[in-house]
Structure formats: structure tokens, C-alpha cells
N, C-alpha and C. Protein backbone atom coordinates (compact mmCIF):
# COMPACT_ATOMS: atom_id res chain seq x y z
N UNK A 1 1.21 -1.21 -0.31
CA UNK A 1 -0.31 0.30 -0.32
C UNK A 1 0.95 1.40 0.01
N UNK A 2 0.52 1.37 -0.89
CA UNK A 2 1.43 3.26 -0.72
C UNK A 2 1.13 4.39 -0.19
N UNK A 3 1.73 5.12 0.70
CA UNK A 3 1.69 6.07 1.68
C UNK A 3 2.47 6.89 1.42
N UNK A 4 1.67 8.28 0.94
CA UNK A 4 2.22 9.26 1.07
C UNK A 4 2.82 10.51 2.08
N UNK A 5 3.35 10.97 2.28
CA UNK A 5 3.78 11.51 3.02
C UNK A 5 5.24 11.84 3.68
N UNK A 6 6.45 12.16 4.44
CA UNK A 6 7.77 12.53 4.40
C UNK A 6 8.69 11.55 5.35
N UNK A 7 9.61 11.19 4.84
CA UNK A 7 10.67 10.08 5.08
C UNK A 7 10.76 10.13 6.74
N UNK A 8 10.08 11.00 7.23
CA UNK A 8 10.45 10.86 8.83
C UNK A 8 8.67 10.31 9.02
N UNK A 9 7.66 11.20 8.79
CA UNK A 9 6.89 10.55 9.67
C UNK A 9 6.00 8.80 9.25
N UNK A 10 6.87 8.27 7.75
CA UNK A 10 6.69 7.19 6.97
C UNK A 10 7.88 6.33 8.08
N UNK A 11 8.90 6.54 8.63
CA UNK A 11 9.34 6.11 9.45
C UNK A 11 8.57 6.00 10.55
N UNK A 12 8.44 6.77 11.61
CA UNK A 12 7.60 7.08 12.84
C UNK A 12 6.48 6.15 12.75
N UNK A 13 5.36 6.10 11.38
CA UNK A 13 4.53 4.94 11.37
C UNK A 13 4.95 3.67 11.75
N UNK A 14 6.05 3.37 10.48
CA UNK A 14 6.62 2.21 10.38
C UNK A 14 6.89 2.04 12.26
N UNK A 15 7.55 2.13 12.81
CA UNK A 15 8.12 1.76 14.03
C UNK A 15 7.15 1.37 15.12
N UNK A 16 5.90 2.86 15.13
CA UNK A 16 5.11 2.78 16.19
C UNK A 16 4.19 1.64 16.17
N UNK A 17 3.61 1.49 14.26
CA UNK A 17 3.17 0.53 14.17
C UNK A 17 3.54 -1.13 14.77
N UNK A 18 4.88 -1.09 14.59
CA UNK A 18 5.06 -2.50 15.02
C UNK A 18 4.74 -2.76 16.14
N UNK A 19 5.45 -1.78 17.06
CA UNK A 19 5.68 -1.59 18.48
C UNK A 19 4.44 -2.10 18.74
N UNK A 20 3.30 -0.78 18.83
CA UNK A 20 1.56 -1.11 18.87
C UNK A 20 1.45 -2.66 18.94
N UNK A 21 1.81 -3.20 17.81
CA UNK A 21 0.63 -4.32 17.45
C UNK A 21 1.61 -5.52 17.49
N UNK A 22 2.97 -5.11 18.12
CA UNK A 22 3.91 -6.59 19.16
C UNK A 22 3.34 -6.32 20.38
N UNK A 23 3.52 -5.24 21.26
CA UNK A 23 3.95 -5.41 22.61
C UNK A 23 2.22 -5.54 23.09
N UNK A 24 1.32 -4.65 22.87
CA UNK A 24 0.05 -4.21 23.03
C UNK A 24 -0.91 -5.02 22.65
N UNK A 25 -0.49 -5.82 21.31
CA UNK A 25 -1.99 -6.68 20.35
C UNK A 25 -2.71 -5.30 19.91
N UNK A 26 -2.65 -3.84 19.79
CA UNK A 26 -3.86 -3.04 19.32
C UNK A 26 -4.00 -3.53 17.84
N UNK A 27 -4.97 -2.30 17.83
CA UNK A 27 -6.00 -3.43 16.81
C UNK A 27 -6.80 -1.88 15.90
N UNK A 28 -6.70 -2.55 14.62
CA UNK A 28 -7.89 -0.77 14.21
C UNK A 28 -8.83 -1.73 13.87
N UNK A 29 -10.10 -1.69 14.14
CA UNK A 29 -10.87 -2.15 14.33
C UNK A 29 -12.29 -1.17 13.13
N UNK A 30 -13.25 -1.74 12.91
CA UNK A 30 -13.96 -1.72 11.83
C UNK A 30 -13.30 -0.46 10.82
N UNK A 31 -12.04 -0.53 10.38
CA UNK A 31 -11.46 -0.15 8.80
C UNK A 31 -11.81 0.10 7.89
N UNK A 32 -12.39 -1.42 7.79
CA UNK A 32 -12.86 -1.57 6.39
C UNK A 32 -14.72 -0.46 6.50
N UNK A 33 -15.20 0.08 7.35
CA UNK A 33 -16.24 0.74 6.74
C UNK A 33 -15.99 2.21 6.92
N UNK A 34 -14.20 2.28 6.68
CA UNK A 34 -13.77 3.82 6.85
C UNK A 34 -13.86 4.07 4.95
N UNK A 35 -14.53 4.96 4.38
CA UNK A 35 -14.46 5.51 3.24
C UNK A 35 -13.69 6.42 3.00
N UNK A 36 -12.32 6.30 3.05
CA UNK A 36 -11.33 7.58 3.35
C UNK A 36 -11.31 8.57 1.93
N UNK A 37 -12.32 9.87 2.37
CA UNK A 37 -12.34 10.57 1.18
C UNK A 37 -10.92 10.91 0.20
N UNK A 38 -10.68 11.65 -0.88
CA UNK A 38 -9.48 11.99 -1.30
C UNK A 38 -8.89 13.28 -1.40
N UNK A 39 -9.60 13.65 -0.17
CA UNK A 39 -9.50 14.85 0.08
C UNK A 39 -9.25 15.37 2.31
N UNK A 40 -8.11 16.24 2.57
CA UNK A 40 -7.72 16.29 3.80
C UNK A 40 -8.94 15.67 4.97
N UNK A 41 -8.73 15.42 6.00
CA UNK A 41 -10.22 15.17 7.13
C UNK A 41 -9.23 15.21 8.27
N UNK A 42 -9.91 15.42 9.00
CA UNK A 42 -9.84 15.99 10.13
C UNK A 42 -10.61 15.02 11.39
N UNK A 43 -9.25 14.81 11.84
CA UNK A 43 -9.56 13.16 12.69
C UNK A 43 -9.54 13.49 14.23
N UNK A 44 -10.48 12.93 14.58
CA UNK A 44 -11.13 13.32 15.95
C UNK A 44 -11.21 12.07 16.93
N UNK A 45 -11.15 12.10 18.49
CA UNK A 45 -10.96 10.80 19.23
C UNK A 45 -11.28 11.56 20.31
N UNK A 46 -11.93 10.22 21.89
CA UNK A 46 -11.50 10.72 23.16
C UNK A 46 -10.31 10.99 22.92
N UNK A 47 -9.91 10.82 24.06
CA UNK A 47 -8.39 11.29 24.68
C UNK A 47 -8.20 11.27 26.19
N UNK A 48 -7.59 9.53 26.19
CA UNK A 48 -7.28 9.41 28.36
C UNK A 48 -5.62 9.12 28.31
N UNK A 49 -4.89 9.43 26.98
CA UNK A 49 -3.52 9.16 28.34
C UNK A 49 -2.48 9.77 26.58
N UNK A 50 -1.47 10.47 26.72
CA UNK A 50 -0.41 10.36 26.02
C UNK A 50 -0.20 9.70 24.96
N UNK A 51 -0.63 8.28 24.74
CA UNK A 51 -0.52 7.24 24.02
C UNK A 51 -1.23 7.89 23.08
N UNK A 52 -2.50 8.45 23.20
CA UNK A 52 -3.48 7.96 21.94
C UNK A 52 -2.83 8.77 21.03
N UNK A 53 -2.05 10.43 20.18
CA UNK A 53 -1.73 10.42 19.39
C UNK A 53 -0.77 9.45 18.29
N UNK A 54 0.34 8.47 19.77
CA UNK A 54 0.85 7.87 18.45
C UNK A 54 0.21 6.84 18.27
N UNK A 55 -0.83 6.59 18.68
CA UNK A 55 -1.77 5.11 18.48
C UNK A 55 -1.76 5.47 17.17
N UNK A 56 -2.55 6.62 16.86
CA UNK A 56 -3.39 6.77 16.26
C UNK A 56 -2.59 7.28 14.45
N UNK A 57 -1.57 7.46 15.28
CA UNK A 57 -0.32 7.81 14.34
C UNK A 57 0.01 6.13 13.50
N UNK A 58 0.27 5.45 14.54
CA UNK A 58 1.06 3.78 14.02
C UNK A 58 -0.14 3.26 12.93
N UNK A 59 -1.47 3.86 13.36
CA UNK A 59 -2.33 3.49 11.86
C UNK A 59 -3.14 3.92 11.04
N UNK A 60 -2.78 5.41 10.87
CA UNK A 60 -3.33 6.36 9.92
C UNK A 60 -2.18 6.33 8.54
N UNK A 61 -2.91 5.81 7.65
CA UNK A 61 -2.34 5.66 6.41
C UNK A 61 -1.65 6.96 5.94
N UNK A 62 -1.95 8.62 5.96
CA UNK A 62 -1.51 9.51 5.96
C UNK A 62 -1.07 10.41 6.55
N UNK A 63 0.09 10.99 5.68
CA UNK A 63 0.51 12.10 7.06
C UNK A 63 -0.38 13.17 8.23
N UNK A 64 -0.20 13.01 8.94
CA UNK A 64 -0.86 14.31 9.62
C UNK A 64 -0.26 14.86 10.54
N UNK A 65 -0.75 15.68 10.33
CA UNK A 65 -0.54 16.99 11.91
C UNK A 65 -1.54 16.53 13.25
N UNK A 66 -1.19 17.09 14.47
CA UNK A 66 -1.97 17.24 15.49
C UNK A 66 -1.20 18.40 16.23
N UNK A 67 -2.79 18.58 16.83
CA UNK A 67 -3.05 19.74 17.71
C UNK A 67 -3.00 19.64 18.66
N UNK A 68 -1.85 20.33 19.99
CA UNK A 68 -1.67 19.64 21.52
C UNK A 68 -1.08 21.19 21.79
N UNK A 69 -2.02 20.75 23.44
CA UNK A 69 -1.74 21.74 24.56
C UNK A 69 -0.48 22.70 24.46
N UNK A 70 -0.20 24.11 24.59
CA UNK A 70 1.05 24.74 24.55
C UNK A 70 1.92 24.00 25.62
N UNK A 71 1.32 23.99 26.43
CA UNK A 71 2.42 23.22 27.37
C UNK A 71 3.42 22.35 27.07
N UNK A 72 2.73 21.42 26.82
CA UNK A 72 3.25 20.49 25.98
C UNK A 72 4.46 20.71 25.68
N UNK A 73 4.78 22.19 25.10
CA UNK A 73 5.82 22.10 24.07
C UNK A 73 6.59 23.27 24.36
N UNK A 74 6.29 23.42 26.13
CA UNK A 74 7.32 24.93 26.60
C UNK A 74 8.65 23.54 27.00
N UNK A 75 8.66 22.88 27.48
CA UNK A 75 10.55 22.01 27.23
C UNK A 75 11.07 21.68 25.95
N UNK A 76 12.08 22.44 26.15
CA UNK A 76 13.00 22.97 25.12
C UNK A 76 13.10 21.23 23.99
N UNK A 77 13.16 20.23 24.70
CA UNK A 77 13.41 18.67 24.34
C UNK A 77 12.29 18.36 23.73
N UNK A 78 11.42 17.91 24.46
CA UNK A 78 9.65 16.87 24.15
C UNK A 78 9.01 18.06 23.18
N UNK A 79 9.00 19.07 23.72
CA UNK A 79 9.26 20.30 22.42
C UNK A 79 9.60 20.16 20.64
N UNK A 80 10.40 20.04 20.78
CA UNK A 80 11.13 19.99 19.85
C UNK A 80 10.73 18.26 19.25
N UNK A 81 10.54 17.50 19.70
CA UNK A 81 10.32 15.80 19.46
C UNK A 81 9.09 16.05 19.22
N UNK A 82 7.86 16.73 19.58
CA UNK A 82 6.20 16.82 18.83
C UNK A 82 6.50 17.76 17.94
N UNK A 83 7.28 18.89 17.63
CA UNK A 83 7.73 19.17 16.44
C UNK A 83 8.21 18.51 15.40
N UNK A 84 9.19 18.12 16.14
CA UNK A 84 9.85 16.95 14.16
C UNK A 84 8.49 16.18 14.01
N UNK A 85 7.79 15.79 14.80
CA UNK A 85 6.78 14.68 14.39
C UNK A 85 5.62 15.31 13.78
N UNK A 86 5.29 16.38 13.97
CA UNK A 86 4.13 17.33 13.39
C UNK A 86 3.30 17.14 14.40
N UNK A 87 3.85 17.77 15.46
CA UNK A 87 2.88 18.18 16.66
C UNK A 87 3.10 19.70 16.39
N UNK A 88 2.05 20.28 16.58
CA UNK A 88 1.10 21.87 16.20
C UNK A 88 0.71 22.74 18.32
N UNK A 89 1.81 23.19 18.70
CA UNK A 89 1.05 23.90 19.43
C UNK A 89 0.09 24.63 19.84
N UNK A 90 -1.00 24.90 20.56
CA UNK A 90 -2.55 25.93 20.88
C UNK A 90 -1.83 26.82 21.68
N UNK A 91 -2.36 27.54 21.23
CA UNK A 91 -3.00 28.34 20.20
C UNK A 91 -2.80 28.64 18.87
N UNK A 92 -1.19 28.95 18.79
CA UNK A 92 -0.75 29.05 17.05
C UNK A 92 -0.93 28.17 16.30
N UNK A 93 -0.48 26.96 16.45
CA UNK A 93 -0.92 25.71 15.70
C UNK A 93 -1.91 25.14 15.43
N UNK A 94 -3.71 25.97 15.33
CA UNK A 94 -5.04 26.25 15.17
C UNK A 94 -4.84 26.78 13.73
N UNK A 95 -4.52 28.02 13.43
CA UNK A 95 -3.98 29.03 12.60
C UNK A 95 -3.45 27.89 10.91
N UNK A 96 -1.82 28.14 11.85
CA UNK A 96 -1.30 26.61 10.58
C UNK A 96 -2.26 25.61 10.22
N UNK A 97 -3.16 24.85 10.54
CA UNK A 97 -3.97 24.05 10.63
C UNK A 97 -5.07 24.05 9.15
N UNK A 98 -5.43 25.06 9.31
CA UNK A 98 -5.93 25.91 8.12
C UNK A 98 -5.09 25.73 7.00
N UNK A 99 -3.95 26.47 7.04
CA UNK A 99 -2.65 26.37 5.96
C UNK A 99 -2.34 24.58 5.76
N UNK A 100 -2.61 23.77 6.58
CA UNK A 100 -1.84 22.89 6.23
C UNK A 100 -3.33 22.25 5.86
N UNK A 101 -4.54 22.12 5.60
CA UNK A 101 -5.68 21.49 5.23
C UNK A 101 -5.64 22.20 4.07
N UNK A 102 -4.57 22.86 3.46
CA UNK A 102 -4.72 23.57 1.92
C UNK A 102 -3.99 23.19 1.02
N UNK A 103 -2.56 22.73 1.63
CA UNK A 103 -1.60 22.07 0.96
C UNK A 103 -1.85 20.40 0.94
N UNK A 104 -3.26 19.92 1.50
CA UNK A 104 -3.71 18.66 1.46
C UNK A 104 -3.43 17.71 3.36
N UNK A 105 -2.66 18.06 3.98
CA UNK A 105 -3.29 16.96 4.74
C UNK A 105 -3.85 16.80 5.85
N UNK A 106 -4.08 15.80 6.50
CA UNK A 106 -4.81 15.68 7.80
C UNK A 106 -4.93 16.66 9.16
N UNK A 107 -5.38 16.68 9.85
CA UNK A 107 -4.91 17.60 11.23
C UNK A 107 -6.16 16.88 12.29
N UNK A 108 -5.26 16.08 13.23
CA UNK A 108 -5.69 15.08 14.36
C UNK A 108 -5.82 15.96 15.33
N UNK A 109 -7.14 16.24 16.19
CA UNK A 109 -7.14 17.09 17.23
C UNK A 109 -8.05 16.29 17.89
N UNK A 110 -8.08 16.62 19.23
CA UNK A 110 -9.03 15.61 20.34
C UNK A 110 -9.84 17.35 21.18
N UNK A 111 -11.18 16.79 20.89
CA UNK A 111 -12.42 18.01 21.37
C UNK A 111 -12.30 17.89 22.46
N UNK A 112 -11.89 17.27 23.23
CA UNK A 112 -12.04 17.42 24.39
C UNK A 112 -11.27 18.15 25.54
N UNK A 113 -10.01 18.70 24.45
CA UNK A 113 -9.56 19.34 25.47
C UNK A 113 -8.64 19.31 26.29
N UNK A 114 -8.18 18.20 26.57
CA UNK A 114 -7.45 17.77 27.45
C UNK A 114 -7.61 15.92 27.53
N UNK A 115 -7.35 15.67 28.04
CA UNK A 115 -7.30 13.70 29.10
C UNK A 115 -8.94 14.00 30.02
N UNK A 116 -9.09 12.38 29.70
CA UNK A 116 -10.57 12.35 30.37
C UNK A 116 -11.53 13.26 30.49
N UNK A 117 -11.72 14.75 29.45
CA UNK A 117 -12.58 15.35 29.77
C UNK A 117 -14.31 14.89 29.41
N UNK A 118 -14.65 13.83 28.45
CA UNK A 118 -15.81 14.07 28.10
C UNK A 118 -17.17 13.55 29.67
N UNK A 119 -18.16 14.64 29.40
CA UNK A 119 -18.74 14.87 28.32
C UNK A 119 -18.35 16.31 27.70
N UNK A 120 -17.23 17.07 28.15
CA UNK A 120 -17.19 18.35 27.52
C UNK A 120 -16.20 18.08 25.66
N UNK A 121 -16.51 18.95 25.00
CA UNK A 121 -16.07 19.44 23.97
C UNK A 121 -15.97 20.61 23.82
N UNK A 122 -15.08 20.95 23.34
CA UNK A 122 -14.63 22.08 22.20
C UNK A 122 -14.65 21.95 21.22
N UNK A 123 -14.94 22.74 20.49
CA UNK A 123 -16.18 23.42 18.87
C UNK A 123 -14.46 23.72 18.07
N UNK A 124 -13.75 23.65 17.88
CA UNK A 124 -12.31 24.08 17.11
C UNK A 124 -12.26 23.41 16.38
N UNK A 125 -12.56 22.04 16.30
CA UNK A 125 -12.09 21.07 14.99
C UNK A 125 -13.59 21.08 13.89
N UNK A 126 -14.65 21.10 15.11
CA UNK A 126 -15.79 21.80 14.29
C UNK A 126 -15.53 22.63 13.18
N UNK A 127 -15.56 23.70 13.60
CA UNK A 127 -14.74 24.89 13.42
C UNK A 127 -13.88 24.94 12.00
N UNK A 128 -13.16 24.33 12.22
CA UNK A 128 -11.96 24.38 11.60
C UNK A 128 -12.89 23.10 10.54
N UNK A 129 -13.33 22.90 10.38
CA UNK A 129 -14.22 21.42 9.41
C UNK A 129 -15.42 22.04 8.71
N UNK A 130 -16.21 22.78 9.37
CA UNK A 130 -16.88 23.85 8.00
C UNK A 130 -16.47 24.83 7.54
N UNK A 131 -14.95 25.65 7.91
CA UNK A 131 -14.72 26.29 7.72
C UNK A 131 -14.22 26.46 6.22
N UNK A 132 -13.64 25.07 6.99
CA UNK A 132 -12.78 24.14 5.22
C UNK A 132 -13.53 23.04 4.28
N UNK A 133 -14.53 23.02 4.79
CA UNK A 133 -15.63 21.79 4.14
C UNK A 133 -14.84 20.79 3.77
N UNK A 134 -14.45 20.19 5.05
CA UNK A 134 -13.92 18.75 5.60
C UNK A 134 -14.49 17.78 6.29
N UNK A 135 -14.08 16.43 6.24
CA UNK A 135 -14.60 16.14 7.25
C UNK A 135 -14.45 15.72 7.86
N UNK A 136 -14.92 15.34 8.82
CA UNK A 136 -14.77 14.65 10.45
C UNK A 136 -14.17 13.53 10.67
N UNK A 137 -13.56 12.69 10.88
CA UNK A 137 -13.34 10.93 11.13
C UNK A 137 -13.44 11.00 12.93
N UNK A 138 -15.17 10.35 13.32
CA UNK A 138 -14.60 9.87 14.45
C UNK A 138 -14.19 8.72 14.65
N UNK A 139 -13.26 8.90 15.43
CA UNK A 139 -12.20 7.26 16.10
C UNK A 139 -13.21 7.67 17.40
N UNK A 140 -12.41 6.10 18.37
CA UNK A 140 -12.69 5.87 19.79
C UNK A 140 -11.84 4.38 20.07
N UNK A 141 -10.90 5.15 20.75
CA UNK A 141 -9.41 4.97 21.65
C UNK A 141 -10.22 3.92 23.13
N UNK A 142 -9.45 2.28 22.84
CA UNK A 142 -10.68 1.67 24.11
C UNK A 142 -9.64 1.13 24.56
N UNK A 143 -9.10 0.22 26.10
CA UNK A 143 -8.02 0.00 26.91
C UNK A 143 -7.39 0.92 27.36
N UNK A 144 -7.29 2.28 27.04
CA UNK A 144 -6.35 2.57 27.38
C UNK A 144 -7.06 3.88 28.42
N UNK A 145 -7.54 3.79 29.78
CA UNK A 145 -7.86 4.14 30.76
C UNK A 145 -7.48 3.91 32.07
N UNK A 146 -7.84 4.49 33.28
CA UNK A 146 -6.85 4.28 33.76
C UNK A 146 -5.66 4.48 34.74
N UNK A 147 -4.67 3.73 35.30
CA UNK A 147 -3.32 4.74 36.08
C UNK A 147 -2.86 4.13 35.37
N UNK A 148 -1.04 4.50 35.06
CA UNK A 148 -0.71 3.31 33.95
C UNK A 148 -0.35 2.66 34.17
N UNK A 149 0.48 1.80 35.79
CA UNK A 149 0.38 0.95 36.32
C UNK A 149 -0.30 -0.02 35.13
N UNK A 150 -2.01 0.32 35.07
CA UNK A 150 -2.85 -0.27 35.13
C UNK A 150 -2.79 -1.07 33.60
N UNK A 151 -2.42 0.44 32.71
CA UNK A 151 -3.22 0.17 31.48
C UNK A 151 -1.67 -0.77 30.88
N UNK A 152 -0.57 -0.88 31.13
CA UNK A 152 0.47 -1.18 30.42
C UNK A 152 -0.35 -2.36 31.30
N UNK A 153 -0.01 -2.46 32.63
CA UNK A 153 -0.44 -4.66 32.55
C UNK A 153 -1.28 -4.88 31.45
N UNK A 154 -2.30 -4.27 31.28
CA UNK A 154 -3.69 -4.45 30.16
C UNK A 154 -3.25 -4.42 29.00
N UNK A 155 -2.18 -3.86 28.26
CA UNK A 155 -1.83 -3.97 27.03
C UNK A 155 -1.32 -5.12 27.00
N UNK A 156 -0.01 -5.36 28.46
CA UNK A 156 0.62 -6.76 27.81
C UNK A 156 0.32 -8.43 27.72
N UNK A 157 -1.06 -8.34 28.77
CA UNK A 157 -1.24 -9.37 29.13
C UNK A 157 -2.95 -9.28 28.47
N UNK A 158 -3.80 -8.62 28.73
CA UNK A 158 -4.96 -8.69 28.28
C UNK A 158 -5.10 -8.21 27.06
N UNK A 159 -4.40 -7.67 26.08
CA UNK A 159 -3.65 -7.04 25.16
C UNK A 159 -4.74 -6.87 24.34
N UNK A 160 -5.55 -5.69 24.92
CA UNK A 160 -6.58 -5.25 24.48
C UNK A 160 -7.88 -3.47 23.64
N UNK A 161 -6.21 -3.37 23.71
CA UNK A 161 -5.86 -2.03 23.36
C UNK A 161 -6.84 -1.99 21.74
N UNK A 162 -7.43 -0.86 21.23
CA UNK A 162 -8.29 -0.80 20.76
C UNK A 162 -8.31 0.31 19.86
N UNK A 163 -8.03 0.35 18.61
CA UNK A 163 -8.54 1.96 17.45
C UNK A 163 -9.84 1.35 17.16
N UNK A 164 -11.31 2.16 16.95
CA UNK A 164 -12.29 1.84 16.30
C UNK A 164 -12.61 3.22 15.96
N UNK A 165 -12.66 3.07 14.27
CA UNK A 165 -13.61 4.00 13.75
C UNK A 165 -15.29 3.15 14.12
N UNK A 166 -15.43 5.25 13.95
CA UNK A 166 -17.32 4.97 14.15
C UNK A 166 -17.98 5.83 13.26
N UNK A 167 -17.01 6.95 12.49
CA UNK A 167 -18.17 7.71 11.95
C UNK A 167 -17.48 8.61 11.74
N UNK A 168 -18.18 9.09 10.26
CA UNK A 168 -17.73 10.45 9.45
C UNK A 168 -18.48 11.26 9.68
N UNK A 169 -17.96 12.10 9.28
CA UNK A 169 -19.45 13.62 10.11
C UNK A 169 -19.16 14.79 8.70
N UNK A 170 -20.55 14.84 7.89
CA UNK A 170 -19.93 16.05 6.50
C UNK A 170 -20.61 16.69 7.27
N UNK A 171 -19.39 18.03 6.85
CA UNK A 171 -19.67 20.07 7.43
C UNK A 171 -21.56 19.76 7.19
N UNK A 172 -21.40 19.40 5.94
CA UNK A 172 -22.87 20.41 5.21
C UNK A 172 -24.30 19.77 6.02
N UNK A 173 -23.91 18.41 6.81
CA UNK A 173 -24.94 17.85 7.59
C UNK A 173 -25.21 18.26 8.23
N UNK A 174 -24.87 19.32 8.71
CA UNK A 174 -24.52 20.07 10.32
C UNK A 174 -25.08 21.83 10.05
N UNK A 175 -25.79 22.63 10.69
CA UNK A 175 -26.31 23.49 10.50
C UNK A 175 -25.64 24.09 11.26
N UNK A 176 -24.48 24.17 12.26
CA UNK A 176 -23.99 24.60 12.51
C UNK A 176 -22.67 23.84 13.36
N UNK A 177 -21.18 24.52 13.97
CA UNK A 177 -20.18 23.60 14.37
C UNK A 177 -20.49 22.76 16.21
N UNK A 178 -21.03 23.81 16.36
CA UNK A 178 -21.81 23.31 18.00
C UNK A 178 -22.95 21.62 17.73
N UNK A 179 -23.62 22.13 16.91
CA UNK A 179 -24.45 21.12 16.29
C UNK A 179 -23.41 19.80 16.11
N UNK A 180 -22.34 19.84 15.62
CA UNK A 180 -21.41 18.76 15.00
C UNK A 180 -20.86 18.35 16.57
N UNK A 181 -20.17 19.11 17.46
CA UNK A 181 -20.02 18.96 18.63
C UNK A 181 -21.38 17.89 19.80
N UNK A 182 -22.14 18.06 19.42
CA UNK A 182 -23.16 17.03 19.88
C UNK A 182 -23.24 16.00 19.54
N UNK A 183 -23.65 16.23 18.44
CA UNK A 183 -23.17 14.80 17.41
C UNK A 183 -21.83 13.75 17.41
N UNK A 184 -20.63 14.39 17.70
CA UNK A 184 -19.40 13.94 18.02
C UNK A 184 -19.28 13.47 19.44
N UNK A 185 -20.00 14.43 20.43
CA UNK A 185 -20.28 13.62 21.88
C UNK A 185 -21.39 12.70 22.19
N UNK A 186 -22.22 12.86 20.91
CA UNK A 186 -22.93 11.21 21.78
C UNK A 186 -22.50 9.72 20.80
N UNK A 187 -22.28 9.92 19.88
CA UNK A 187 -21.48 8.76 19.19
C UNK A 187 -20.87 8.42 19.88
N UNK A 188 -19.00 8.86 20.59
CA UNK A 188 -18.34 8.49 21.30
C UNK A 188 -18.74 8.47 22.48
N UNK A 189 -19.85 8.86 23.41
CA UNK A 189 -20.67 8.53 24.71
C UNK A 189 -21.37 6.96 24.25
N UNK A 190 -21.89 7.09 23.65
CA UNK A 190 -22.30 5.65 23.06
C UNK A 190 -21.28 4.22 23.15
N UNK A 191 -20.26 5.05 22.25
CA UNK A 191 -19.51 3.60 22.04
C UNK A 191 -18.19 3.58 23.45
N UNK A 192 -18.39 4.35 24.50
CA UNK A 192 -17.12 3.98 25.37
C UNK A 192 -18.43 3.28 26.46
N UNK A 193 -19.70 2.95 26.59
CA UNK A 193 -20.56 2.56 27.28
C UNK A 193 -20.43 1.23 27.99
């Protein structure tokens, strides 16, 4: 399968895919139902761990950029690492996301605005979708909740870390970004029950 993207992105994706599949048994479920358009998309998901962006990166076939909390980029070493692997600090990165969509790149955003925030959802991803007329892919991450040591034990022994495709939201089907955000929230809440 052909993967477009920079060499560093392809390398990171290959290494992460191997590690997730080998160490945690991670799988991308319902992928066959994902009819990915030949246009950029916004990838959204629940967010319960720092491992969520690398997990999506490991299974996503096109180069993407993730928007992340600005504080994550303050440490010069970790911030450089995030930027090298297509991390964009908020709030400045939001403006750059508009340009990247124009250039044909996918954008990853966690609408919760942090980890474990459901049912709180921010509308930035949906505003970007409406403004640029690009679909929103709704994913769900399962098997990634709880304290760090419990997560690691579950990944290694139960091997139940899953990335699940749920639905594609098209901006033309919604009157407002708030309506899209409500739909996102309802879809995720149902999937996580």
C-alpha cells in the first residue's frame, strides 16, 4: 500500500505500528467501513492518555499533524520532539492547521481539550471542518483508561488496546459547529458505554 508523506513520518509510523502491534496487540477495528475521501480530513477521538496520538499515527495511512496543548511544547527537548513528528502547539497551531488542510494534510484534534474530559467538548475541530468544508473522522480508543501501571499491564497481558472507526461527519449535514460537537459527543458516549 502506498503511503504519501515525509520520510520521518513514514519511519515513525512504521516503528510505532510495529511496537503497538507487537507489544500491546493493538488493532484498528472497523477500518473497512472507513471510506476515506481523497481530500484532507480532521481526525477526532476520545483522549485518555499521552499514548493516544502515537496510537492514531501508527494506524493512519496518510501524514497528519496533531494539535496539542501549548504547555507540552514548553520543554525544549520534548517540544522539539513533538514538532519533529508534526505536533502543533495550541493556540498558534490552529491557524497553521488551516494552511495544512489547504496543502492536503490531515489534522488530528482531540475535541475534549485534554485527557478524560468527556462530556466536555470544544468546537475548534468542528469550526475548522465547517470553515474548510472537510469531513471529521470520529475514532474511539478503548483499553486505554486508568492508572499508567494498570494500562501497561492490560496492554501486555490482556492485549485489548483498540482504535475503532465510528463515523464520518460531513459539515454540510450540520447547521453549526455546535451541532457537530453534540453529534461527536453522542457517538463517543455510546461507543464508550
